[in-house]
C-alpha atoms as a PDB file:
ATOM      1  CA  MET A   1      17.177  15.496 -70.767  1.00  0.00           C
ATOM      2  CA  LYS A   2      17.913  16.072 -67.096  1.00  0.00           C
ATOM      3  CA  LYS A   3      15.955  13.775 -64.790  1.00  0.00           C
ATOM      4  CA  ILE A   4      15.281  14.992 -61.247  1.00  0.00           C
ATOM      5  CA  PHE A   5      13.954  12.401 -58.795  1.00  0.00           C
ATOM      6  CA  ILE A   6      12.134  13.919 -55.815  1.00  0.00           C
ATOM      7  CA  LEU A   7      12.155  11.635 -52.779  1.00  0.00           C
ATOM      8  CA  SER A   8      11.854  11.733 -49.013  1.00  0.00           C
ATOM      9  CA  LEU A   9      12.574   9.572 -46.009  1.00  0.00           C
ATOM     10  CA  GLN A  10       8.942   9.633 -44.932  1.00  0.00           C
ATOM     11  CA  PRO A  11       5.538   9.845 -46.625  1.00  0.00           C
ATOM     12  CA  PHE A  12       3.743  13.188 -46.830  1.00  0.00           C
ATOM     13  CA  ALA A  13       6.916  15.243 -46.500  1.00  0.00           C
ATOM     14  CA  GLY A  14       5.849  17.672 -49.242  1.00  0.00           C
ATOM     15  CA  LYS A  15       7.079  16.006 -52.436  1.00  0.00           C
ATOM     16  CA  THR A  16       4.038  17.192 -54.406  1.00  0.00           C
ATOM     17  CA  PHE A  17       4.477  20.708 -53.003  1.00  0.00           C
ATOM     18  CA  VAL A  18       8.105  20.791 -54.189  1.00  0.00           C
ATOM     19  CA  THR A  19       7.263  19.205 -57.546  1.00  0.00           C
ATOM     20  CA  ILE A  20       4.638  21.831 -58.397  1.00  0.00           C
ATOM     21  CA  GLY A  21       6.893  24.669 -57.262  1.00  0.00           C
ATOM     22  CA  LEU A  22       9.893  23.369 -59.198  1.00  0.00           C
ATOM     23  CA  LEU A  23       7.918  22.765 -62.393  1.00  0.00           C
ATOM     24  CA  ASN A  24       6.523  26.273 -62.157  1.00  0.00           C
ATOM     25  CA  LYS A  25       9.988  27.827 -61.768  1.00  0.00           C
ATOM     26  CA  LEU A  26      11.467  25.796 -64.649  1.00  0.00           C
ATOM     27  CA  ILE A  27       8.611  26.736 -66.974  1.00  0.00           C
ATOM     28  CA  GLU A  28       9.075  30.407 -66.022  1.00  0.00           C
ATOM     29  CA  LYS A  29      12.737  30.064 -67.067  1.00  0.00           C
ATOM     30  CA  GLY A  30      11.664  28.768 -70.480  1.00  0.00           C
ATOM     31  CA  TYR A  31      12.575  25.104 -70.061  1.00  0.00           C
ATOM     32  CA  THR A  32      10.439  22.328 -71.507  1.00  0.00           C
ATOM     33  CA  THR A  33       9.336  20.057 -68.696  1.00  0.00           C
ATOM     34  CA  GLY A  34       7.674  16.708 -68.112  1.00  0.00           C
ATOM     35  CA  TYR A  35       6.457  14.789 -65.102  1.00  0.00           C
ATOM     36  CA  ILE A  36       6.015  11.128 -64.209  1.00  0.00           C
ATOM     37  CA  LYS A  37       4.792   9.410 -61.049  1.00  0.00           C
ATOM     38  CA  PRO A  38       6.192   5.882 -61.551  1.00  0.00           C
ATOM     39  CA  LEU A  39       4.490   4.392 -58.498  1.00  0.00           C
ATOM     40  CA  GLY A  40       1.101   5.739 -57.478  1.00  0.00           C
ATOM     41  CA  LEU A  41      -0.309   5.086 -54.020  1.00  0.00           C
ATOM     42  CA  THR A  42      -3.497   7.188 -54.137  1.00  0.00           C
ATOM     43  CA  PRO A  43      -5.768   5.848 -56.889  1.00  0.00           C
ATOM     44  CA  GLN A  44      -8.159   8.166 -58.697  1.00  0.00           C
ATOM     45  CA  LEU A  45     -10.678   6.948 -61.231  1.00  0.00           C
ATOM     46  CA  VAL A  46     -10.588   8.889 -64.503  1.00  0.00           C
ATOM     47  CA  GLY A  47     -13.090   7.495 -66.961  1.00  0.00           C
ATOM     48  CA  SER A  48     -12.721   3.731 -66.687  1.00  0.00           C
ATOM     49  CA  SER A  49      -9.024   3.752 -65.691  1.00  0.00           C
ATOM     50  CA  VAL A  50      -7.184   4.335 -62.420  1.00  0.00           C
ATOM     51  CA  TYR A  51      -4.300   6.800 -62.120  1.00  0.00           C
ATOM     52  CA  ASP A  52      -2.369   8.437 -59.310  1.00  0.00           C
ATOM     53  CA  THR A  53      -4.040  11.497 -57.746  1.00  0.00           C
ATOM     54  CA  ASP A  54      -0.862  13.609 -57.924  1.00  0.00           C
ATOM     55  CA  ALA A  55      -0.378  12.716 -61.593  1.00  0.00           C
ATOM     56  CA  VAL A  56      -3.941  13.775 -62.396  1.00  0.00           C
ATOM     57  CA  LEU A  57      -3.499  17.068 -60.530  1.00  0.00           C
ATOM     58  CA  ILE A  58      -0.165  17.954 -62.145  1.00  0.00           C
ATOM     59  CA  LYS A  59      -1.330  17.039 -65.647  1.00  0.00           C
ATOM     60  CA  GLU A  60      -4.331  19.347 -65.253  1.00  0.00           C
ATOM     61  CA  LEU A  61      -2.388  22.113 -63.526  1.00  0.00           C
ATOM     62  CA  PHE A  62       0.365  22.328 -66.167  1.00  0.00           C
ATOM     63  CA  ARG A  63      -1.733  21.126 -69.126  1.00  0.00           C
ATOM     64  CA  LEU A  64       0.763  18.370 -69.873  1.00  0.00           C
ATOM     65  CA  LYS A  65       0.242  16.897 -73.337  1.00  0.00           C
ATOM     66  CA  GLU A  66       1.223  13.330 -72.418  1.00  0.00           C
ATOM     67  CA  PRO A  67      -1.673  10.955 -71.642  1.00  0.00           C
ATOM     68  CA  LEU A  68      -2.175   9.813 -68.067  1.00  0.00           C
ATOM     69  CA  ASP A  69      -1.079   6.246 -68.790  1.00  0.00           C
ATOM     70  CA  ILE A  70       2.407   7.645 -69.511  1.00  0.00           C
ATOM     71  CA  ILE A  71       2.463  10.121 -66.611  1.00  0.00           C
ATOM     72  CA  SER A  72       1.073   7.504 -64.189  1.00  0.00           C
ATOM     73  CA  PRO A  73       2.198   4.087 -65.499  1.00  0.00           C
ATOM     74  CA  PHE A  74       1.428   2.077 -62.357  1.00  0.00           C
ATOM     75  CA  VAL A  75      -0.863   2.517 -59.355  1.00  0.00           C
ATOM     76  CA  VAL A  76      -1.104   0.204 -56.362  1.00  0.00           C
ATOM     77  CA  THR A  77      -4.667  -1.016 -55.906  1.00  0.00           C
ATOM     78  CA  TYR A  78      -6.272  -4.031 -54.242  1.00  0.00           C
ATOM     79  CA  GLU A  79      -6.372  -5.720 -57.641  1.00  0.00           C
ATOM     80  CA  THR A  80      -2.711  -5.086 -58.520  1.00  0.00           C
ATOM     81  CA  MET A  81      -1.603  -6.333 -55.105  1.00  0.00           C
ATOM     82  CA  ASN A  82      -3.544  -9.548 -55.699  1.00  0.00           C
ATOM     83  CA  TYR A  83      -1.821 -10.000 -59.060  1.00  0.00           C
ATOM     84  CA  LEU A  84       1.541  -9.347 -57.411  1.00  0.00           C
ATOM     85  CA  LEU A  85       1.029 -11.906 -54.647  1.00  0.00           C
ATOM     86  CA  LYS A  86      -0.080 -14.507 -57.198  1.00  0.00           C
ATOM     87  CA  GLY A  87       2.912 -13.823 -59.434  1.00  0.00           C
ATOM     88  CA  LYS A  88       0.753 -12.533 -62.296  1.00  0.00           C
ATOM     89  CA  LEU A  89       1.998  -8.954 -62.421  1.00  0.00           C
ATOM     90  CA  GLY A  90       4.139  -8.063 -65.429  1.00  0.00           C
ATOM     91  CA  ASP A  91       7.445  -6.201 -65.428  1.00  0.00           C
ATOM     92  CA  ILE A  92       6.499  -2.774 -64.099  1.00  0.00           C
ATOM     93  CA  ARG A  93      10.040  -1.470 -64.528  1.00  0.00           C
ATOM     94  CA  GLU A  94       9.880  -1.838 -68.304  1.00  0.00           C
ATOM     95  CA  LYS A  95       6.591   0.036 -68.403  1.00  0.00           C
ATOM     96  CA  ILE A  96       8.107   2.875 -66.371  1.00  0.00           C
ATOM     97  CA  LYS A  97      11.227   3.037 -68.536  1.00  0.00           C
ATOM     98  CA  ASP A  98       9.036   3.111 -71.649  1.00  0.00           C
ATOM     99  CA  SER A  99       7.087   6.064 -70.229  1.00  0.00           C
ATOM    100  CA  ILE A 100      10.308   7.937 -69.487  1.00  0.00           C
ATOM    101  CA  ALA A 101      11.663   7.229 -72.982  1.00  0.00           C
ATOM    102  CA  LYS A 102       8.564   8.879 -74.472  1.00  0.00           C
ATOM    103  CA  MET A 103       9.524  12.158 -72.767  1.00  0.00           C
ATOM    104  CA  LYS A 104      13.089  12.304 -74.086  1.00  0.00           C
ATOM    105  CA  ASP A 105      12.477  15.621 -75.862  1.00  0.00           C
ATOM    106  CA  LYS A 106      12.170  17.524 -72.541  1.00  0.00           C
ATOM    107  CA  ASP A 107      14.841  19.707 -70.948  1.00  0.00           C
ATOM    108  CA  PHE A 108      13.769  18.455 -67.510  1.00  0.00           C
ATOM    109  CA  LEU A 109      11.798  15.435 -66.386  1.00  0.00           C
ATOM    110  CA  ILE A 110      10.603  15.538 -62.772  1.00  0.00           C
ATOM    111  CA  ILE A 111      10.089  12.068 -61.304  1.00  0.00           C
ATOM    112  CA  GLY A 112       7.844  11.950 -58.249  1.00  0.00           C
ATOM    113  CA  GLY A 113       8.760   9.502 -55.518  1.00  0.00           C
ATOM    114  CA  ALA A 114       6.143   7.577 -53.554  1.00  0.00           C
ATOM    115  CA  GLY A 115       6.037   7.117 -49.797  1.00  0.00           C
ATOM    116  CA  ASN A 116       9.558   6.612 -48.461  1.00  0.00           C
ATOM    117  CA  LEU A 117      12.857   5.271 -49.835  1.00  0.00           C
ATOM    118  CA  PHE A 118      11.701   1.659 -49.798  1.00  0.00           C
ATOM    119  CA  THR A 119       8.111   1.954 -50.992  1.00  0.00           C
ATOM    120  CA  GLY A 120       7.805  -0.328 -54.016  1.00  0.00           C
ATOM    121  CA  ALA A 121      10.832  -2.476 -53.136  1.00  0.00           C
ATOM    122  CA  ILE A 122       8.810  -5.675 -53.615  1.00  0.00           C
ATOM    123  CA  LEU A 123       8.306  -4.613 -57.239  1.00  0.00           C
ATOM    124  CA  GLY A 124      11.875  -3.430 -57.758  1.00  0.00           C
ATOM    125  CA  ILE A 125      10.628   0.138 -58.207  1.00  0.00           C
ATOM    126  CA  ASP A 126      11.589   1.684 -54.868  1.00  0.00           C
ATOM    127  CA  ALA A 127      13.165   5.133 -55.026  1.00  0.00           C
ATOM    128  CA  LEU A 128      16.784   3.978 -54.736  1.00  0.00           C
ATOM    129  CA  SER A 129      16.369   1.376 -57.486  1.00  0.00           C
ATOM    130  CA  LEU A 130      14.615   3.788 -59.823  1.00  0.00           C
ATOM    131  CA  VAL A 131      17.252   6.483 -59.329  1.00  0.00           C
ATOM    132  CA  LYS A 132      19.875   4.046 -60.660  1.00  0.00           C
ATOM    133  CA  GLU A 133      17.644   2.595 -63.386  1.00  0.00           C
ATOM    134  CA  THR A 134      16.692   6.026 -64.729  1.00  0.00           C
ATOM    135  CA  ASP A 135      20.083   7.707 -64.235  1.00  0.00           C
ATOM    136  CA  SER A 136      18.467  10.509 -62.240  1.00  0.00           C
ATOM    137  CA  LYS A 137      19.739  13.129 -59.857  1.00  0.00           C
ATOM    138  CA  VAL A 138      18.042  13.300 -56.465  1.00  0.00           C
ATOM    139  CA  MET A 139      16.368  16.201 -54.698  1.00  0.00           C
ATOM    140  CA  VAL A 140      15.382  15.303 -51.134  1.00  0.00           C
ATOM    141  CA  VAL A 141      12.385  16.793 -49.342  1.00  0.00           C
ATOM    142  CA  GLU A 142      12.916  16.661 -45.589  1.00  0.00           C
ATOM    143  CA  ASN A 143      10.278  17.572 -43.018  1.00  0.00           C
ATOM    144  CA  PHE A 144      12.057  19.537 -40.308  1.00  0.00           C
ATOM    145  CA  SER A 145      12.570  17.304 -37.282  1.00  0.00           C
ATOM    146  CA  GLY A 146      15.017  19.235 -35.128  1.00  0.00           C
ATOM    147  CA  ASP A 147      18.663  18.309 -35.140  1.00  0.00           C
ATOM    148  CA  SER A 148      17.878  14.854 -36.579  1.00  0.00           C
ATOM    149  CA  THR A 149      17.321  16.702 -39.881  1.00  0.00           C
ATOM    150  CA  ILE A 150      21.106  17.086 -40.035  1.00  0.00           C
ATOM    151  CA  ASP A 151      21.604  13.320 -39.607  1.00  0.00           C
ATOM    152  CA  ASN A 152      18.927  12.512 -42.172  1.00  0.00           C
ATOM    153  CA  LEU A 153      20.338  14.741 -44.889  1.00  0.00           C
ATOM    154  CA  THR A 154      24.001  13.924 -44.342  1.00  0.00           C
ATOM    155  CA  GLY A 155      23.099  10.223 -44.217  1.00  0.00           C
ATOM    156  CA  LEU A 156      21.186  10.442 -47.490  1.00  0.00           C
ATOM    157  CA  LYS A 157      24.072  12.328 -49.088  1.00  0.00           C
ATOM    158  CA  LYS A 158      26.361   9.409 -48.243  1.00  0.00           C
ATOM    159  CA  LEU A 159      23.820   6.791 -49.335  1.00  0.00           C
ATOM    160  CA  ILE A 160      22.951   8.366 -52.683  1.00  0.00           C
ATOM    161  CA  ASP A 161      26.493   9.625 -53.251  1.00  0.00           C
ATOM    162  CA  LYS A 162      27.158  11.127 -56.694  1.00  0.00           C
ATOM    163  CA  ASP A 163      23.470  11.229 -57.618  1.00  0.00           C
ATOM    164  CA  PHE A 164      22.600  13.487 -54.649  1.00  0.00           C
ATOM    165  CA  LEU A 165      21.738  16.938 -55.971  1.00  0.00           C
ATOM    166  CA  GLY A 166      20.506  18.746 -52.871  1.00  0.00           C
ATOM    167  CA  ALA A 167      17.550  19.193 -50.548  1.00  0.00           C
ATOM    168  CA  VAL A 168      14.754  21.394 -49.348  1.00  0.00           C
ATOM    169  CA  ILE A 169      13.691  21.500 -45.708  1.00  0.00           C
ATOM    170  CA  ASN A 170       9.951  21.750 -45.266  1.00  0.00           C
ATOM    171  CA  ARG A 171       7.450  22.575 -42.483  1.00  0.00           C
ATOM    172  CA  ILE A 172       9.876  24.562 -40.339  1.00  0.00           C
ATOM    173  CA  PRO A 173       8.092  26.258 -37.391  1.00  0.00           C
ATOM    174  CA  LEU A 174       8.205  30.025 -37.890  1.00  0.00           C
ATOM    175  CA  ASN A 175      10.058  30.670 -34.613  1.00  0.00           C
ATOM    176  CA  THR A 176      12.704  28.086 -35.614  1.00  0.00           C
ATOM    177  CA  LEU A 177      13.326  29.422 -39.119  1.00  0.00           C
ATOM    178  CA  PRO A 178      16.116  31.883 -38.143  1.00  0.00           C
ATOM    179  CA  TYR A 179      18.016  29.085 -36.337  1.00  0.00           C
ATOM    180  CA  VAL A 180      17.719  26.793 -39.354  1.00  0.00           C
ATOM    181  CA  ARG A 181      18.785  29.557 -41.733  1.00  0.00           C
ATOM    182  CA  GLU A 182      21.738  30.774 -39.657  1.00  0.00           C
ATOM    183  CA  ASN A 183      23.025  27.498 -38.219  1.00  0.00           C
ATOM    184  CA  ILE A 184      21.722  24.292 -39.797  1.00  0.00           C
ATOM    185  CA  LYS A 185      21.836  25.411 -43.444  1.00  0.00           C
ATOM    186  CA  PRO A 186      25.497  26.633 -43.360  1.00  0.00           C
ATOM    187  CA  PHE A 187      26.557  23.496 -41.476  1.00  0.00           C
ATOM    188  CA  LEU A 188      24.904  21.180 -43.998  1.00  0.00           C
ATOM    189  CA  GLU A 189      26.413  23.055 -46.907  1.00  0.00           C
ATOM    190  CA  LYS A 190      29.868  22.571 -45.385  1.00  0.00           C
ATOM    191  CA  GLN A 191      29.099  18.828 -45.438  1.00  0.00           C
ATOM    192  CA  GLY A 192      28.353  19.051 -49.161  1.00  0.00           C
ATOM    193  CA  VAL A 193      24.556  19.105 -48.777  1.00  0.00           C
ATOM    194  CA  ARG A 194      23.169  21.909 -50.927  1.00  0.00           C
ATOM    195  CA  ILE A 195      19.985  23.475 -49.573  1.00  0.00           C
ATOM    196  CA  PHE A 196      17.766  24.861 -52.315  1.00  0.00           C
ATOM    197  CA  GLY A 197      14.982  26.074 -50.073  1.00  0.00           C
ATOM    198  CA  LEU A 198      13.760  26.507 -46.502  1.00  0.00           C
ATOM    199  CA  PHE A 199       9.971  26.444 -46.157  1.00  0.00           C
ATOM    200  CA  GLU A 200       8.135  27.376 -43.012  1.00  0.00           C
ATOM    201  CA  LYS A 201       5.067  25.513 -41.825  1.00  0.00           C
ATOM    202  CA  ASP A 202       2.151  27.263 -43.472  1.00  0.00           C
ATOM    203  CA  GLU A 203      -1.420  27.396 -42.186  1.00  0.00           C
ATOM    204  CA  ILE A 204      -2.984  27.576 -45.640  1.00  0.00           C
ATOM    205  CA  LEU A 205      -1.072  24.584 -47.010  1.00  0.00           C
ATOM    206  CA  GLU A 206      -1.813  22.609 -43.847  1.00  0.00           C
ATOM    207  CA  SER A 207      -5.520  23.400 -44.080  1.00  0.00           C
ATOM    208  CA  ILE A 208      -8.292  21.078 -45.216  1.00  0.00           C
ATOM    209  CA  THR A 209     -11.644  21.772 -46.866  1.00  0.00           C
ATOM    210  CA  VAL A 210     -14.896  21.167 -45.059  1.00  0.00           C
ATOM    211  CA  ARG A 211     -15.774  18.793 -47.907  1.00  0.00           C
ATOM    212  CA  ASP A 212     -12.695  16.647 -47.212  1.00  0.00           C
ATOM    213  CA  LEU A 213     -13.490  16.656 -43.497  1.00  0.00           C
ATOM    214  CA  VAL A 214     -16.997  15.386 -44.210  1.00  0.00           C
ATOM    215  CA  ALA A 215     -15.576  12.583 -46.362  1.00  0.00           C
ATOM    216  CA  LEU A 216     -12.919  11.711 -43.793  1.00  0.00           C
ATOM    217  CA  LEU A 217     -15.401  11.517 -40.916  1.00  0.00           C
ATOM    218  CA  GLY A 218     -18.285   9.998 -42.844  1.00  0.00           C
ATOM    219  CA  GLY A 219     -20.324  13.000 -41.763  1.00  0.00           C
ATOM    220  CA  ARG A 220     -23.753  14.296 -42.754  1.00  0.00           C
ATOM    221  CA  VAL A 221     -24.097  17.954 -43.757  1.00  0.00           C
ATOM    222  CA  LEU A 222     -27.110  19.468 -41.997  1.00  0.00           C
ATOM    223  CA  CYS A 223     -27.012  22.888 -43.657  1.00  0.00           C
ATOM    224  CA  CYS A 224     -24.995  25.313 -45.803  1.00  0.00           C
ATOM    225  CA  GLU A 225     -23.738  22.688 -48.246  1.00  0.00           C
ATOM    226  CA  ASP A 226     -22.741  25.496 -50.613  1.00  0.00           C
ATOM    227  CA  ARG A 227     -19.986  26.482 -48.130  1.00  0.00           C
ATOM    228  CA  ILE A 228     -18.212  23.130 -47.782  1.00  0.00           C
ATOM    229  CA  ASP A 229     -15.315  24.079 -50.056  1.00  0.00           C
ATOM    230  CA  GLU A 230     -14.091  26.599 -47.459  1.00  0.00           C
ATOM    231  CA  LEU A 231     -10.624  25.939 -45.989  1.00  0.00           C
ATOM    232  CA  VAL A 232     -10.273  25.068 -42.307  1.00  0.00           C
ATOM    233  CA  GLU A 233      -6.946  26.180 -40.823  1.00  0.00           C
ATOM    234  CA  HIS A 234      -7.446  25.381 -37.116  1.00  0.00           C
ATOM    235  CA  PHE A 235      -9.350  22.934 -34.943  1.00  0.00           C
ATOM    236  CA  THR A 236     -10.697  23.345 -31.444  1.00  0.00           C
ATOM    237  CA  VAL A 237     -12.809  21.239 -29.127  1.00  0.00           C
ATOM    238  CA  GLY A 238     -15.774  22.919 -27.434  1.00  0.00           C
ATOM    239  CA  ALA A 239     -15.910  21.189 -24.065  1.00  0.00           C
ATOM    240  CA  MET A 240     -15.634  24.104 -21.632  1.00  0.00           C
ATOM    241  CA  ASP A 241     -18.204  26.518 -20.177  1.00  0.00           C
ATOM    242  CA  VAL A 242     -19.652  28.944 -22.704  1.00  0.00           C
ATOM    243  CA  ASP A 243     -17.930  32.114 -21.364  1.00  0.00           C
ATOM    244  CA  SER A 244     -14.496  30.508 -21.518  1.00  0.00           C
ATOM    245  CA  ALA A 245     -15.315  29.045 -24.927  1.00  0.00           C
ATOM    246  CA  LEU A 246     -16.240  32.414 -26.401  1.00  0.00           C
ATOM    247  CA  LYS A 247     -12.978  34.031 -25.247  1.00  0.00           C
ATOM    248  CA  TYR A 248     -11.035  31.083 -26.681  1.00  0.00           C
ATOM    249  CA  PHE A 249     -12.936  30.990 -29.984  1.00  0.00           C
ATOM    250  CA  ARG A 250     -12.283  34.689 -30.598  1.00  0.00           C
ATOM    251  CA  ARG A 251      -8.530  34.057 -30.686  1.00  0.00           C
ATOM    252  CA  ILE A 252      -8.686  31.347 -33.376  1.00  0.00           C
ATOM    253  CA  PRO A 253      -9.559  32.266 -36.998  1.00  0.00           C
ATOM    254  CA  ASN A 254     -10.892  30.023 -39.772  1.00  0.00           C
ATOM    255  CA  LYS A 255     -11.523  27.109 -37.452  1.00  0.00           C
ATOM    256  CA  ALA A 256     -13.592  23.967 -37.099  1.00  0.00           C
ATOM    257  CA  VAL A 257     -15.276  23.559 -33.724  1.00  0.00           C
ATOM    258  CA  ILE A 258     -15.792  19.975 -32.578  1.00  0.00           C
ATOM    259  CA  THR A 259     -18.396  19.557 -29.881  1.00  0.00           C
ATOM    260  CA  GLY A 260     -21.166  17.298 -28.670  1.00  0.00           C
ATOM    261  CA  ALA A 261     -24.483  17.587 -30.502  1.00  0.00           C
ATOM    262  CA  HIS A 262     -26.161  18.465 -27.182  1.00  0.00           C
ATOM    263  CA  ARG A 263     -23.936  21.540 -26.587  1.00  0.00           C
ATOM    264  CA  SER A 264     -26.121  24.131 -28.329  1.00  0.00           C
ATOM    265  CA  ASP A 265     -24.594  26.854 -26.112  1.00  0.00           C
ATOM    266  CA  ILE A 266     -21.112  26.115 -27.488  1.00  0.00           C
ATOM    267  CA  GLN A 267     -22.430  25.906 -31.046  1.00  0.00           C
ATOM    268  CA  LEU A 268     -24.122  29.306 -30.812  1.00  0.00           C
ATOM    269  CA  ALA A 269     -21.022  30.865 -29.241  1.00  0.00           C
ATOM    270  CA  ALA A 270     -18.801  29.484 -32.001  1.00  0.00           C
ATOM    271  CA  MET A 271     -21.003  31.124 -34.630  1.00  0.00           C
ATOM    272  CA  GLU A 272     -20.201  34.558 -33.176  1.00  0.00           C
ATOM    273  CA  THR A 273     -16.536  34.071 -34.143  1.00  0.00           C
ATOM    274  CA  SER A 274     -14.483  33.125 -37.233  1.00  0.00           C
ATOM    275  CA  THR A 275     -15.762  29.557 -37.702  1.00  0.00           C
ATOM    276  CA  LYS A 276     -15.801  27.591 -40.960  1.00  0.00           C
ATOM    277  CA  VAL A 277     -17.694  24.504 -39.730  1.00  0.00           C
ATOM    278  CA  ILE A 278     -19.157  23.041 -36.560  1.00  0.00           C
ATOM    279  CA  ILE A 279     -18.795  19.280 -36.190  1.00  0.00           C
ATOM    280  CA  LEU A 280     -21.457  17.736 -33.972  1.00  0.00           C
ATOM    281  CA  THR A 281     -20.362  14.444 -32.438  1.00  0.00           C
ATOM    282  CA  GLY A 282     -22.529  11.629 -31.168  1.00  0.00           C
ATOM    283  CA  GLY A 283     -24.711  11.053 -34.220  1.00  0.00           C
ATOM    284  CA  THR A 284     -27.638  13.360 -33.422  1.00  0.00           C
ATOM    285  CA  SER A 285     -28.774  16.542 -35.137  1.00  0.00           C
ATOM    286  CA  ALA A 286     -28.694  20.133 -33.887  1.00  0.00           C
ATOM    287  CA  ASN A 287     -31.826  21.843 -32.625  1.00  0.00           C
ATOM    288  CA  ASP A 288     -33.860  24.200 -34.813  1.00  0.00           C
ATOM    289  CA  VAL A 289     -32.448  27.363 -33.220  1.00  0.00           C
ATOM    290  CA  VAL A 290     -28.851  26.303 -33.938  1.00  0.00           C
ATOM    291  CA  ILE A 291     -29.674  25.285 -37.525  1.00  0.00           C
ATOM    292  CA  ALA A 292     -31.456  28.588 -38.198  1.00  0.00           C
ATOM    293  CA  LYS A 293     -28.501  30.563 -36.815  1.00  0.00           C
ATOM    294  CA  ALA A 294     -26.021  28.497 -38.860  1.00  0.00           C
ATOM    295  CA  ILE A 295     -27.986  29.162 -42.048  1.00  0.00           C
ATOM    296  CA  SER A 296     -28.064  32.889 -41.347  1.00  0.00           C
ATOM    297  CA  LYS A 297     -24.298  32.907 -40.722  1.00  0.00           C
ATOM    298  CA  GLY A 298     -23.452  30.564 -43.620  1.00  0.00           C
ATOM    299  CA  ILE A 299     -21.649  28.072 -41.341  1.00  0.00           C
ATOM    300  CA  PRO A 300     -22.066  24.379 -42.227  1.00  0.00           C
ATOM    301  CA  LEU A 301     -23.142  22.003 -39.472  1.00  0.00           C
ATOM    302  CA  VAL A 302     -21.838  18.449 -39.852  1.00  0.00           C
ATOM    303  CA  SER A 303     -23.139  15.519 -37.803  1.00  0.00           C
ATOM    304  CA  VAL A 304     -20.820  12.535 -37.215  1.00  0.00           C
ATOM    305  CA  GLU A 305     -21.501   9.233 -35.510  1.00  0.00           C
ATOM    306  CA  GLN A 306     -18.230   9.108 -33.569  1.00  0.00           C
ATOM    307  CA  ASP A 307     -17.653  10.549 -30.126  1.00  0.00           C
ATOM    308  CA  THR A 308     -15.542  13.680 -29.724  1.00  0.00           C
ATOM    309  CA  TYR A 309     -12.311  11.831 -28.841  1.00  0.00           C
ATOM    310  CA  THR A 310     -12.500   9.540 -31.889  1.00  0.00           C
ATOM    311  CA  THR A 311     -13.346  12.464 -34.153  1.00  0.00           C
ATOM    312  CA  VAL A 312     -10.335  14.471 -32.970  1.00  0.00           C
ATOM    313  CA  ASP A 313      -8.093  11.408 -33.320  1.00  0.00           C
ATOM    314  CA  ARG A 314      -9.148  10.881 -36.944  1.00  0.00           C
ATOM    315  CA  ILE A 315      -8.593  14.528 -37.818  1.00  0.00           C
ATOM    316  CA  GLU A 316      -5.121  14.575 -36.244  1.00  0.00           C
ATOM    317  CA  PHE A 317      -4.189  11.455 -38.206  1.00  0.00           C
ATOM    318  CA  MET A 318      -5.305  13.122 -41.426  1.00  0.00           C
ATOM    319  CA  LEU A 319      -3.764  16.556 -41.012  1.00  0.00           C
ATOM    320  CA  GLY A 320      -0.209  15.615 -42.012  1.00  0.00           C
ATOM    321  CA  LYS A 321      -1.557  13.997 -45.180  1.00  0.00           C
ATOM    322  CA  VAL A 322      -3.548  16.866 -46.619  1.00  0.00           C
ATOM    323  CA  ARG A 323      -3.029  17.187 -50.357  1.00  0.00           C
ATOM    324  CA  ILE A 324      -2.593  20.308 -52.472  1.00  0.00           C
ATOM    325  CA  LYS A 325      -5.448  20.803 -54.922  1.00  0.00           C
ATOM    326  CA  GLU A 326      -7.439  23.913 -54.006  1.00  0.00           C
ATOM    327  CA  PRO A 327      -6.629  27.081 -56.045  1.00  0.00           C
ATOM    328  CA  ARG A 328      -5.848  29.059 -52.873  1.00  0.00           C
ATOM    329  CA  LYS A 329      -3.240  26.456 -51.879  1.00  0.00           C
ATOM    330  CA  ILE A 330      -1.667  26.464 -55.357  1.00  0.00           C
ATOM    331  CA  GLU A 331      -1.390  30.248 -55.248  1.00  0.00           C
ATOM    332  CA  ARG A 332       0.143  30.142 -51.762  1.00  0.00           C
ATOM    333  CA  LEU A 333       2.607  27.467 -52.900  1.00  0.00           C
ATOM    334  CA  ARG A 334       3.780  29.677 -55.742  1.00  0.00           C
ATOM    335  CA  GLU A 335       4.209  32.631 -53.388  1.00  0.00           C
ATOM    336  CA  MET A 336       6.330  30.535 -51.030  1.00  0.00           C
ATOM    337  CA  PHE A 337       8.513  29.177 -53.841  1.00  0.00           C
ATOM    338  CA  GLU A 338       9.063  32.686 -55.166  1.00  0.00           C
ATOM    339  CA  GLY A 339      10.547  33.808 -51.867  1.00  0.00           C
ATOM    340  CA  SER A 340      12.145  30.668 -50.471  1.00  0.00           C
ATOM    341  CA  PHE A 341      13.537  28.540 -53.322  1.00  0.00           C
ATOM    342  CA  ASP A 342      16.902  29.417 -54.914  1.00  0.00           C
ATOM    343  CA  THR A 343      16.432  28.508 -58.574  1.00  0.00           C
ATOM    344  CA  GLY A 344      19.908  29.762 -59.434  1.00  0.00           C
ATOM    345  CA  VAL A 345      21.597  27.403 -56.975  1.00  0.00           C
ATOM    346  CA  PHE A 346      19.426  24.538 -58.244  1.00  0.00           C
ATOM    347  CA  LEU A 347      20.332  25.137 -61.901  1.00  0.00           C
ATOM    348  CA  GLU A 348      24.002  25.496 -60.984  1.00  0.00           C
ATOM    349  CA  ALA A 349      23.870  22.149 -59.168  1.00  0.00           C
ATOM    350  CA  VAL A 350      22.199  20.465 -62.141  1.00  0.00           C
ATOM    351  CA  GLN A 351      24.864  21.730 -64.528  1.00  0.00           C
END
């Protein structure tokens, strides 16, 4: 069994994105595959037990036969942290190794890293420790960060040494992609850093559902609740005069408009353009005319207690942490992997 550990220097770099794409490509090639998320950071209740959100998603997506307590052997929760601080937590490493041993019949086992290199160090299950304990090879997912990407990947190659398999560079701005392809990729490969894929920043993968926005903001849906699973790709603040707003709104598709509840003129203008949701700040409702128009257009109105600045701040904080779960995102992920991931180079590196 070949064990591939997917890690990154920073959280939310796209490890789940790469995991799903890689599993899909390996299954297409006829390999038997398994997945484990040794350390879960995003708890999800399934029945009466808590498992990692990514583990639940990947088990469902690939119909993995292993039970969730093998795929997700440990999840950080308030309760487990209390046990840890009181010295009452058992040996998590043995539980993880036992889970891995139960998948020994696979051609490939993909091991999903959590957070950054040092997440889980207090438990002895940080990425670097687990790579050694499990005798894995490492694939690094690096969010493009300009020329510092070169330092990050060459530094990791030296740190991980013989267990370093290669990397993918994620979230590359479209206008920067030719430079990365023609200059950074060849340079890194001369340094011994294989690059399996270059992925541009994608609006669909970066999007968020109206439902998730409502949950994030603690909002109240005023109408069109049947449309809250729509994807929002862009955000704009409606704080200008209505003529300027209309010209601006027309240039931005599939957007959320954030504006004060009193700005009915902005709300009505937004509904004449490609708008997925209007977020009304300040805690008050829209007037009857706006609600009637929203219903006729099928555009949800969401009321939030926060002011506009706080609302925008919360959304910006969330955007880099959006998870892949909607069918449209899964389909887009597969399209991107088909065109941008070199499976042949990956398999050659593994051999």
